[in-house]
Amino acid sequence: PVDESIKEQVLSLHGAKGQEGYVESVAQCLKEAQARADWRPVGIF
């Protein structure tokens, strides 16, 4: 689960060039997760 210990690391993630628009930015996702408790954002390790 994304918490303060991995948040900055997770925010640095992005897809490859040409994949823009396929998924919202991690920053946008985390903002949505703050606004709605139903979301569960996770880092994949």
All heavy atoms as atom14 arrays in JSON, in Angstrom:
{
  "sequence": "PVDESIKEQVLSLHGAKGQEGYVESVAQCLKEAQARADWRPVGIF",
  "atom14_mask": [
    [1, 1, 1, 1, 1, 1, 1, 0, 0, 0, 0, 0, 0, 0],
    [1, 1, 1, 1, 1, 1, 1, 0, 0, 0, 0, 0, 0, 0],
    [1, 1, 1, 1, 1, 1, 1, 1, 0, 0, 0, 0, 0, 0],
    [1, 1, 1, 1, 1, 1, 1, 1, 1, 0, 0, 0, 0, 0],
    [1, 1, 1, 1, 1, 1, 0, 0, 0, 0, 0, 0, 0, 0],
    [1, 1, 1, 1, 1, 1, 1, 1, 0, 0, 0, 0, 0, 0],
    [1, 1, 1, 1, 1, 1, 1, 1, 1, 0, 0, 0, 0, 0],
    [1, 1, 1, 1, 1, 1, 1, 1, 1, 0, 0, 0, 0, 0],
    [1, 1, 1, 1, 1, 1, 1, 1, 1, 0, 0, 0, 0, 0],
    [1, 1, 1, 1, 1, 1, 1, 0, 0, 0, 0, 0, 0, 0],
    [1, 1, 1, 1, 1, 1, 1, 1, 0, 0, 0, 0, 0, 0],
    [1, 1, 1, 1, 1, 1, 0, 0, 0, 0, 0, 0, 0, 0],
    [1, 1, 1, 1, 1, 1, 1, 1, 0, 0, 0, 0, 0, 0],
    [1, 1, 1, 1, 1, 1, 1, 1, 1, 1, 0, 0, 0, 0],
    [1, 1, 1, 1, 0, 0, 0, 0, 0, 0, 0, 0, 0, 0],
    [1, 1, 1, 1, 1, 0, 0, 0, 0, 0, 0, 0, 0, 0],
    [1, 1, 1, 1, 1, 1, 1, 1, 1, 0, 0, 0, 0, 0],
    [1, 1, 1, 1, 0, 0, 0, 0, 0, 0, 0, 0, 0, 0],
    [1, 1, 1, 1, 1, 1, 1, 1, 1, 0, 0, 0, 0, 0],
    [1, 1, 1, 1, 1, 1, 1, 1, 1, 0, 0, 0, 0, 0],
    [1, 1, 1, 1, 0, 0, 0, 0, 0, 0, 0, 0, 0, 0],
    [1, 1, 1, 1, 1, 1, 1, 1, 1, 1, 1, 1, 0, 0],
    [1, 1, 1, 1, 1, 1, 1, 0, 0, 0, 0, 0, 0, 0],
    [1, 1, 1, 1, 1, 1, 1, 1, 1, 0, 0, 0, 0, 0],
    [1, 1, 1, 1, 1, 1, 0, 0, 0, 0, 0, 0, 0, 0],
    [1, 1, 1, 1, 1, 1, 1, 0, 0, 0, 0, 0, 0, 0],
    [1, 1, 1, 1, 1, 0, 0, 0, 0, 0, 0, 0, 0, 0],
    [1, 1, 1, 1, 1, 1, 1, 1, 1, 0, 0, 0, 0, 0],
    [1, 1, 1, 1, 1, 1, 0, 0, 0, 0, 0, 0, 0, 0],
    [1, 1, 1, 1, 1, 1, 1, 1, 0, 0, 0, 0, 0, 0],
    [1, 1, 1, 1, 1, 1, 1, 1, 1, 0, 0, 0, 0, 0],
    [1, 1, 1, 1, 1, 1, 1, 1, 1, 0, 0, 0, 0, 0],
    [1, 1, 1, 1, 1, 0, 0, 0, 0, 0, 0, 0, 0, 0],
    [1, 1, 1, 1, 1, 1, 1, 1, 1, 0, 0, 0, 0, 0],
    [1, 1, 1, 1, 1, 0, 0, 0, 0, 0, 0, 0, 0, 0],
    [1, 1, 1, 1, 1, 1, 1, 1, 1, 1, 1, 0, 0, 0],
    [1, 1, 1, 1, 1, 0, 0, 0, 0, 0, 0, 0, 0, 0],
    [1, 1, 1, 1, 1, 1, 1, 1, 0, 0, 0, 0, 0, 0],
    [1, 1, 1, 1, 1, 1, 1, 1, 1, 1, 1, 1, 1, 1],
    [1, 1, 1, 1, 1, 1, 1, 1, 1, 1, 1, 0, 0, 0],
    [1, 1, 1, 1, 1, 1, 1, 0, 0, 0, 0, 0, 0, 0],
    [1, 1, 1, 1, 1, 1, 1, 0, 0, 0, 0, 0, 0, 0],
    [1, 1, 1, 1, 0, 0, 0, 0, 0, 0, 0, 0, 0, 0],
    [1, 1, 1, 1, 1, 1, 1, 1, 0, 0, 0, 0, 0, 0],
    [1, 1, 1, 1, 1, 1, 1, 1, 1, 1, 1, 0, 0, 0]
  ],
  "atom14_positions": [
    [[0.83, -1.21, 0.0], [0.0, 0.0, 0.0], [0.87, 1.26, 0.0], [1.88, 1.33, 0.71], [-0.8, -0.12, 1.3], [-0.84, -1.59, 1.58], [0.49, -2.11, 1.1], [0.0, 0.0, 0.0], [0.0, 0.0, 0.0], [0.0, 0.0, 0.0], [0.0, 0.0, 0.0], [0.0, 0.0, 0.0], [0.0, 0.0, 0.0], [0.0, 0.0, 0.0]],
    [[0.46, 2.23, -0.8], [1.21, 3.47, -0.89], [0.96, 4.28, 0.38], [-0.17, 4.61, 0.72], [0.82, 4.29, -2.14], [1.54, 5.63, -2.16], [1.11, 3.51, -3.41], [0.0, 0.0, 0.0], [0.0, 0.0, 0.0], [0.0, 0.0, 0.0], [0.0, 0.0, 0.0], [0.0, 0.0, 0.0], [0.0, 0.0, 0.0], [0.0, 0.0, 0.0]],
    [[2.05, 4.55, 1.08], [2.01, 5.43, 2.25], [3.2, 6.38, 2.12], [3.9, 6.38, 1.11], [2.02, 4.63, 3.56], [3.28, 3.79, 3.74], [4.29, 4.01, 3.01], [3.29, 2.92, 4.63], [0.0, 0.0, 0.0], [0.0, 0.0, 0.0], [0.0, 0.0, 0.0], [0.0, 0.0, 0.0], [0.0, 0.0, 0.0], [0.0, 0.0, 0.0]],
    [[3.43, 7.16, 3.14], [4.5, 8.17, 3.07], [5.89, 7.56, 2.84], [6.76, 8.19, 2.26], [4.5, 9.04, 4.33], [3.3, 9.97, 4.43], [3.14, 10.89, 3.23], [4.14, 11.47, 2.75], [1.99, 11.02, 2.74], [0.0, 0.0, 0.0], [0.0, 0.0, 0.0], [0.0, 0.0, 0.0], [0.0, 0.0, 0.0], [0.0, 0.0, 0.0]],
    [[6.09, 6.31, 3.28], [7.41, 5.68, 3.14], [7.78, 5.37, 1.69], [8.97, 5.28, 1.37], [7.5, 4.42, 3.99], [6.68, 3.39, 3.47], [0.0, 0.0, 0.0], [0.0, 0.0, 0.0], [0.0, 0.0, 0.0], [0.0, 0.0, 0.0], [0.0, 0.0, 0.0], [0.0, 0.0, 0.0], [0.0, 0.0, 0.0], [0.0, 0.0, 0.0]],
    [[6.77, 5.19, 0.81], [7.08, 4.9, -0.6], [6.46, 5.9, -1.56], [6.63, 5.77, -2.78], [6.68, 3.46, -0.99], [5.16, 3.25, -0.91], [7.43, 2.43, -0.16], [4.68, 1.96, -1.54], [0.0, 0.0, 0.0], [0.0, 0.0, 0.0], [0.0, 0.0, 0.0], [0.0, 0.0, 0.0], [0.0, 0.0, 0.0], [0.0, 0.0, 0.0]],
    [[5.76, 6.88, -1.04], [5.01, 7.8, -1.9], [5.89, 8.5, -2.94], [5.55, 8.52, -4.13], [4.29, 8.85, -1.05], [3.42, 9.78, -1.86], [2.69, 10.75, -0.95], [1.83, 11.7, -1.77], [1.1, 12.65, -0.89], [0.0, 0.0, 0.0], [0.0, 0.0, 0.0], [0.0, 0.0, 0.0], [0.0, 0.0, 0.0], [0.0, 0.0, 0.0]],
    [[7.01, 9.06, -2.53], [7.87, 9.77, -3.49], [8.42, 8.84, -4.56], [8.49, 9.2, -5.73], [9.0, 10.5, -2.76], [8.53, 11.69, -1.94], [7.74, 12.72, -2.74], [8.17, 13.07, -3.87], [6.68, 13.14, -2.26], [0.0, 0.0, 0.0], [0.0, 0.0, 0.0], [0.0, 0.0, 0.0], [0.0, 0.0, 0.0], [0.0, 0.0, 0.0]],
    [[8.77, 7.65, -4.15], [9.28, 6.65, -5.09], [8.2, 6.3, -6.12], [8.46, 6.24, -7.32], [9.72, 5.42, -4.3], [10.55, 4.44, -5.05], [10.98, 3.25, -4.18], [10.61, 3.12, -3.02], [11.77, 2.38, -4.76], [0.0, 0.0, 0.0], [0.0, 0.0, 0.0], [0.0, 0.0, 0.0], [0.0, 0.0, 0.0], [0.0, 0.0, 0.0]],
    [[6.98, 6.1, -5.65], [5.86, 5.74, -6.52], [5.53, 6.91, -7.46], [5.22, 6.69, -8.64], [4.63, 5.32, -5.68], [3.39, 5.2, -6.53], [4.91, 4.01, -4.96], [0.0, 0.0, 0.0], [0.0, 0.0, 0.0], [0.0, 0.0, 0.0], [0.0, 0.0, 0.0], [0.0, 0.0, 0.0], [0.0, 0.0, 0.0], [0.0, 0.0, 0.0]],
    [[5.6, 8.13, -6.95], [5.3, 9.29, -7.79], [6.26, 9.45, -8.96], [5.94, 10.1, -9.95], [5.29, 10.57, -6.94], [4.04, 10.78, -6.1], [4.26, 11.91, -5.1], [2.84, 11.06, -6.98], [0.0, 0.0, 0.0], [0.0, 0.0, 0.0], [0.0, 0.0, 0.0], [0.0, 0.0, 0.0], [0.0, 0.0, 0.0], [0.0, 0.0, 0.0]],
    [[7.43, 8.85, -8.87], [8.41, 8.97, -9.96], [8.13, 8.01, -11.12], [8.77, 8.09, -12.17], [9.82, 8.71, -9.42], [9.99, 7.34, -9.1], [0.0, 0.0, 0.0], [0.0, 0.0, 0.0], [0.0, 0.0, 0.0], [0.0, 0.0, 0.0], [0.0, 0.0, 0.0], [0.0, 0.0, 0.0], [0.0, 0.0, 0.0], [0.0, 0.0, 0.0]],
    [[7.17, 7.11, -10.96], [6.88, 6.12, -12.0], [6.15, 6.73, -13.19], [5.32, 7.62, -13.04], [6.0, 5.01, -11.44], [6.59, 4.14, -10.34], [5.53, 3.18, -9.81], [7.8, 3.38, -10.84], [0.0, 0.0, 0.0], [0.0, 0.0, 0.0], [0.0, 0.0, 0.0], [0.0, 0.0, 0.0], [0.0, 0.0, 0.0], [0.0, 0.0, 0.0]],
    [[6.45, 6.22, -14.36], [5.74, 6.6, -15.58], [5.92, 5.51, -16.61], [6.89, 4.74, -16.57], [6.23, 7.95, -16.14], [7.7, 7.96, -16.43], [8.21, 7.5, -17.61], [8.75, 8.37, -15.68], [9.53, 7.62, -17.58], [9.88, 8.14, -16.43], [0.0, 0.0, 0.0], [0.0, 0.0, 0.0], [0.0, 0.0, 0.0], [0.0, 0.0, 0.0]],
    [[4.97, 5.42, -17.53], [5.06, 4.45, -18.61], [6.05, 4.89, -19.66], [6.7, 5.93, -19.54], [0.0, 0.0, 0.0], [0.0, 0.0, 0.0], [0.0, 0.0, 0.0], [0.0, 0.0, 0.0], [0.0, 0.0, 0.0], [0.0, 0.0, 0.0], [0.0, 0.0, 0.0], [0.0, 0.0, 0.0], [0.0, 0.0, 0.0], [0.0, 0.0, 0.0]],
    [[6.16, 4.09, -20.7], [7.08, 4.39, -21.79], [6.5, 5.47, -22.7], [5.29, 5.71, -22.73], [7.35, 3.12, -22.59], [0.0, 0.0, 0.0], [0.0, 0.0, 0.0], [0.0, 0.0, 0.0], [0.0, 0.0, 0.0], [0.0, 0.0, 0.0], [0.0, 0.0, 0.0], [0.0, 0.0, 0.0], [0.0, 0.0, 0.0], [0.0, 0.0, 0.0]],
    [[7.38, 6.09, -23.46], [6.96, 7.07, -24.44], [5.97, 6.41, -25.4], [6.15, 5.28, -25.82], [8.17, 7.59, -25.21], [7.87, 8.76, -26.12], [9.18, 9.37, -26.62], [8.93, 10.53, -27.55], [8.43, 11.72, -26.91], [0.0, 0.0, 0.0], [0.0, 0.0, 0.0], [0.0, 0.0, 0.0], [0.0, 0.0, 0.0], [0.0, 0.0, 0.0]],
    [[4.87, 7.12, -25.67], [3.82, 6.59, -26.53], [2.68, 5.96, -25.74], [1.64, 5.65, -26.3], [0.0, 0.0, 0.0], [0.0, 0.0, 0.0], [0.0, 0.0, 0.0], [0.0, 0.0, 0.0], [0.0, 0.0, 0.0], [0.0, 0.0, 0.0], [0.0, 0.0, 0.0], [0.0, 0.0, 0.0], [0.0, 0.0, 0.0], [0.0, 0.0, 0.0]],
    [[2.89, 5.78, -24.44], [1.84, 5.19, -23.6], [1.06, 6.26, -22.84], [0.16, 5.92, -22.07], [2.45, 4.19, -22.61], [3.05, 2.99, -23.29], [3.75, 2.05, -22.32], [4.17, 2.44, -21.24], [3.9, 0.81, -22.73], [0.0, 0.0, 0.0], [0.0, 0.0, 0.0], [0.0, 0.0, 0.0], [0.0, 0.0, 0.0], [0.0, 0.0, 0.0]],
    [[1.39, 7.51, -23.07], [0.66, 8.59, -22.41], [-0.82, 8.48, -22.79], [-1.16, 8.16, -23.91], [1.19, 9.97, -22.85], [2.67, 10.19, -22.63], [3.56, 9.7, -23.77], [3.06, 9.07, -24.73], [4.77, 9.94, -23.7], [0.0, 0.0, 0.0], [0.0, 0.0, 0.0], [0.0, 0.0, 0.0], [0.0, 0.0, 0.0], [0.0, 0.0, 0.0]],
    [[-1.67, 8.73, -21.84], [-3.1, 8.67, -22.11], [-3.72, 7.31, -21.89], [-4.94, 7.18, -21.89], [0.0, 0.0, 0.0], [0.0, 0.0, 0.0], [0.0, 0.0, 0.0], [0.0, 0.0, 0.0], [0.0, 0.0, 0.0], [0.0, 0.0, 0.0], [0.0, 0.0, 0.0], [0.0, 0.0, 0.0], [0.0, 0.0, 0.0], [0.0, 0.0, 0.0]],
    [[-2.9, 6.28, -21.69], [-3.44, 4.96, -21.42], [-3.85, 4.81, -19.96], [-4.73, 4.03, -19.65], [-2.45, 3.86, -21.79], [-2.27, 3.68, -23.28], [-1.12, 3.09, -23.77], [-3.24, 4.05, -24.2], [-0.94, 2.88, -25.13], [-3.07, 3.86, -25.56], [-1.91, 3.27, -26.01], [-1.74, 3.07, -27.36], [0.0, 0.0, 0.0], [0.0, 0.0, 0.0]],
    [[-3.17, 5.51, -19.08], [-3.5, 5.47, -17.65], [-3.19, 6.84, -17.06], [-2.25, 7.52, -17.51], [-2.72, 4.34, -16.92], [-1.23, 4.6, -16.88], [-3.26, 4.12, -15.52], [0.0, 0.0, 0.0], [0.0, 0.0, 0.0], [0.0, 0.0, 0.0], [0.0, 0.0, 0.0], [0.0, 0.0, 0.0], [0.0, 0.0, 0.0], [0.0, 0.0, 0.0]],
    [[-3.97, 7.25, -16.09], [-3.75, 8.53, -15.44], [-2.39, 8.52, -14.75], [-1.85, 7.47, -14.42], [-4.85, 8.8, -14.4], [-6.22, 9.05, -15.01], [-6.98, 7.78, -15.4], [-6.39, 6.68, -15.37], [-8.17, 7.9, -15.74], [0.0, 0.0, 0.0], [0.0, 0.0, 0.0], [0.0, 0.0, 0.0], [0.0, 0.0, 0.0], [0.0, 0.0, 0.0]],
    [[-1.85, 9.7, -14.5], [-0.57, 9.78, -13.79], [-0.73, 9.24, -12.38], [-1.83, 9.23, -11.81], [-0.08, 11.23, -13.73], [-0.89, 11.97, -12.84], [0.0, 0.0, 0.0], [0.0, 0.0, 0.0], [0.0, 0.0, 0.0], [0.0, 0.0, 0.0], [0.0, 0.0, 0.0], [0.0, 0.0, 0.0], [0.0, 0.0, 0.0], [0.0, 0.0, 0.0]],
    [[0.37, 8.79, -11.8], [0.34, 8.31, -10.43], [-0.12, 9.42, -9.5], [-0.92, 9.19, -8.58], [1.71, 7.75, -10.01], [1.72, 7.38, -8.53], [2.08, 6.54, -10.87], [0.0, 0.0, 0.0], [0.0, 0.0, 0.0], [0.0, 0.0, 0.0], [0.0, 0.0, 0.0], [0.0, 0.0, 0.0], [0.0, 0.0, 0.0], [0.0, 0.0, 0.0]],
    [[0.32, 10.65, -9.75], [-0.1, 11.78, -8.92], [-1.62, 11.94, -8.94], [-2.25, 12.13, -7.9], [0.59, 13.06, -9.36], [0.0, 0.0, 0.0], [0.0, 0.0, 0.0], [0.0, 0.0, 0.0], [0.0, 0.0, 0.0], [0.0, 0.0, 0.0], [0.0, 0.0, 0.0], [0.0, 0.0, 0.0], [0.0, 0.0, 0.0], [0.0, 0.0, 0.0]],
    [[-2.22, 11.84, -10.12], [-3.68, 11.94, -10.25], [-4.36, 10.8, -9.51], [-5.36, 10.99, -8.83], [-4.1, 11.95, -11.72], [-5.61, 12.0, -11.93], [-6.25, 13.27, -11.42], [-5.65, 14.34, -11.44], [-7.47, 13.16, -10.93], [0.0, 0.0, 0.0], [0.0, 0.0, 0.0], [0.0, 0.0, 0.0], [0.0, 0.0, 0.0], [0.0, 0.0, 0.0]],
    [[-3.83, 9.6, -9.64], [-4.4, 8.44, -8.96], [-4.37, 8.62, -7.45], [-5.37, 8.37, -6.77], [-3.63, 7.17, -9.33], [-3.78, 6.67, -11.07], [0.0, 0.0, 0.0], [0.0, 0.0, 0.0], [0.0, 0.0, 0.0], [0.0, 0.0, 0.0], [0.0, 0.0, 0.0], [0.0, 0.0, 0.0], [0.0, 0.0, 0.0], [0.0, 0.0, 0.0]],
    [[-3.25, 9.09, -6.93], [-3.14, 9.27, -5.48], [-4.07, 10.37, -4.98], [-4.64, 10.26, -3.88], [-1.7, 9.54, -5.08], [-0.72, 8.38, -5.32], [0.69, 8.76, -4.87], [-1.18, 7.1, -4.65], [0.0, 0.0, 0.0], [0.0, 0.0, 0.0], [0.0, 0.0, 0.0], [0.0, 0.0, 0.0], [0.0, 0.0, 0.0], [0.0, 0.0, 0.0]],
    [[-4.25, 11.39, -5.8], [-5.2, 12.46, -5.44], [-6.62, 11.89, -5.36], [-7.36, 12.2, -4.42], [-5.11, 13.58, -6.48], [-6.0, 14.76, -6.18], [-5.82, 15.84, -7.23], [-6.76, 17.01, -6.95], [-6.65, 18.04, -7.98], [0.0, 0.0, 0.0], [0.0, 0.0, 0.0], [0.0, 0.0, 0.0], [0.0, 0.0, 0.0], [0.0, 0.0, 0.0]],
    [[-6.97, 11.06, -6.32], [-8.3, 10.43, -6.31], [-8.45, 9.5, -5.11], [-9.52, 9.44, -4.5], [-8.53, 9.67, -7.61], [-8.72, 10.57, -8.8], [-8.88, 9.79, -10.1], [-9.31, 8.62, -10.06], [-8.57, 10.36, -11.16], [0.0, 0.0, 0.0], [0.0, 0.0, 0.0], [0.0, 0.0, 0.0], [0.0, 0.0, 0.0], [0.0, 0.0, 0.0]],
    [[-7.39, 8.8, -4.76], [-7.44, 7.89, -3.62], [-7.63, 8.63, -2.3], [-8.27, 8.13, -1.39], [-6.18, 7.04, -3.57], [0.0, 0.0, 0.0], [0.0, 0.0, 0.0], [0.0, 0.0, 0.0], [0.0, 0.0, 0.0], [0.0, 0.0, 0.0], [0.0, 0.0, 0.0], [0.0, 0.0, 0.0], [0.0, 0.0, 0.0], [0.0, 0.0, 0.0]],
    [[-7.09, 9.85, -2.22], [-7.3, 10.66, -1.02], [-8.75, 11.1, -0.9], [-9.28, 11.22, 0.2], [-6.4, 11.9, -1.04], [-4.98, 11.62, -0.65], [-4.19, 12.91, -0.55], [-4.27, 13.78, -1.43], [-3.43, 13.03, 0.51], [0.0, 0.0, 0.0], [0.0, 0.0, 0.0], [0.0, 0.0, 0.0], [0.0, 0.0, 0.0], [0.0, 0.0, 0.0]],
    [[-9.4, 11.32, -2.04], [-10.77, 11.81, -2.05], [-11.81, 10.7, -1.88], [-12.95, 10.98, -1.53], [-11.04, 12.56, -3.36], [0.0, 0.0, 0.0], [0.0, 0.0, 0.0], [0.0, 0.0, 0.0], [0.0, 0.0, 0.0], [0.0, 0.0, 0.0], [0.0, 0.0, 0.0], [0.0, 0.0, 0.0], [0.0, 0.0, 0.0], [0.0, 0.0, 0.0]],
    [[-11.41, 9.47, -2.13], [-12.38, 8.37, -2.05], [-11.7, 7.14, -1.44], [-10.81, 6.55, -2.04], [-12.9, 8.05, -3.45], [-13.97, 6.99, -3.43], [-14.65, 6.85, -4.75], [-15.63, 5.76, -4.63], [-16.65, 5.61, -5.41], [-16.86, 6.46, -6.39], [-17.47, 4.6, -5.25], [0.0, 0.0, 0.0], [0.0, 0.0, 0.0], [0.0, 0.0, 0.0]],
    [[-12.15, 6.75, -0.27], [-11.54, 5.67, 0.49], [-11.66, 4.3, -0.18], [-10.98, 3.36, 0.23], [-12.13, 5.63, 1.89], [0.0, 0.0, 0.0], [0.0, 0.0, 0.0], [0.0, 0.0, 0.0], [0.0, 0.0, 0.0], [0.0, 0.0, 0.0], [0.0, 0.0, 0.0], [0.0, 0.0, 0.0], [0.0, 0.0, 0.0], [0.0, 0.0, 0.0]],
    [[-12.53, 4.17, -1.2], [-12.69, 2.89, -1.89], [-11.43, 2.47, -2.65], [-11.24, 1.3, -2.93], [-13.84, 2.96, -2.9], [-15.17, 3.26, -2.24], [-15.36, 2.89, -1.08], [-16.02, 3.88, -2.91], [0.0, 0.0, 0.0], [0.0, 0.0, 0.0], [0.0, 0.0, 0.0], [0.0, 0.0, 0.0], [0.0, 0.0, 0.0], [0.0, 0.0, 0.0]],
    [[-10.6, 3.43, -3.02], [-9.39, 3.15, -3.79], [-8.3, 2.55, -2.91], [-8.1, 2.99, -1.79], [-8.83, 4.42, -4.42], [-9.59, 4.96, -5.57], [-10.16, 6.19, -5.67], [-9.83, 4.32, -6.83], [-10.75, 6.35, -6.9], [-10.55, 5.21, -7.63], [-9.5, 3.07, -7.34], [-10.96, 4.9, -8.92], [-9.9, 2.76, -8.63], [-10.62, 3.67, -9.4]],
    [[-7.57, 1.61, -3.49], [-6.41, 1.02, -2.81], [-5.21, 1.13, -3.75], [-5.01, 0.26, -4.61], [-6.7, -0.43, -2.45], [-7.84, -0.52, -1.45], [-7.79, -1.76, -0.65], [-8.86, -1.71, 0.34], [-9.57, -2.74, 0.69], [-9.33, -3.91, 0.15], [-10.51, -2.62, 1.6], [0.0, 0.0, 0.0], [0.0, 0.0, 0.0], [0.0, 0.0, 0.0]],
    [[-4.41, 2.17, -3.61], [-3.21, 2.3, -4.44], [-2.07, 1.47, -3.86], [-1.85, 1.48, -2.64], [-2.9, 3.8, -4.38], [-3.5, 4.26, -3.09], [-4.66, 3.37, -2.8], [0.0, 0.0, 0.0], [0.0, 0.0, 0.0], [0.0, 0.0, 0.0], [0.0, 0.0, 0.0], [0.0, 0.0, 0.0], [0.0, 0.0, 0.0], [0.0, 0.0, 0.0]],
    [[-1.36, 0.76, -4.73], [-0.25, -0.09, -4.29], [0.95, 0.07, -5.21], [0.81, 0.25, -6.42], [-0.65, -1.59, -4.22], [-1.7, -1.83, -3.15], [-1.12, -2.12, -5.57], [0.0, 0.0, 0.0], [0.0, 0.0, 0.0], [0.0, 0.0, 0.0], [0.0, 0.0, 0.0], [0.0, 0.0, 0.0], [0.0, 0.0, 0.0], [0.0, 0.0, 0.0]],
    [[2.12, -0.01, -4.6], [3.35, -0.12, -5.37], [3.57, -1.59, -5.66], [3.29, -2.46, -4.82], [0.0, 0.0, 0.0], [0.0, 0.0, 0.0], [0.0, 0.0, 0.0], [0.0, 0.0, 0.0], [0.0, 0.0, 0.0], [0.0, 0.0, 0.0], [0.0, 0.0, 0.0], [0.0, 0.0, 0.0], [0.0, 0.0, 0.0], [0.0, 0.0, 0.0]],
    [[4.06, -1.89, -6.85], [4.35, -3.27, -7.24], [5.86, -3.46, -7.14], [6.63, -2.76, -7.83], [3.86, -3.55, -8.67], [2.36, -3.27, -8.79], [4.18, -5.0, -9.08], [1.84, -3.26, -10.23], [0.0, 0.0, 0.0], [0.0, 0.0, 0.0], [0.0, 0.0, 0.0], [0.0, 0.0, 0.0], [0.0, 0.0, 0.0], [0.0, 0.0, 0.0]],
    [[6.28, -4.4, -6.3], [7.7, -4.62, -6.04], [8.11, -6.02, -6.45], [7.39, -7.0, -6.21], [8.0, -4.44, -4.55], [7.99, -3.02, -4.1], [6.79, -2.38, -3.8], [9.17, -2.31, -3.97], [6.77, -1.06, -3.38], [9.17, -0.99, -3.55], [7.97, -0.36, -3.26], [0.0, 0.0, 0.0], [0.0, 0.0, 0.0], [0.0, 0.0, 0.0]]
  ]
}
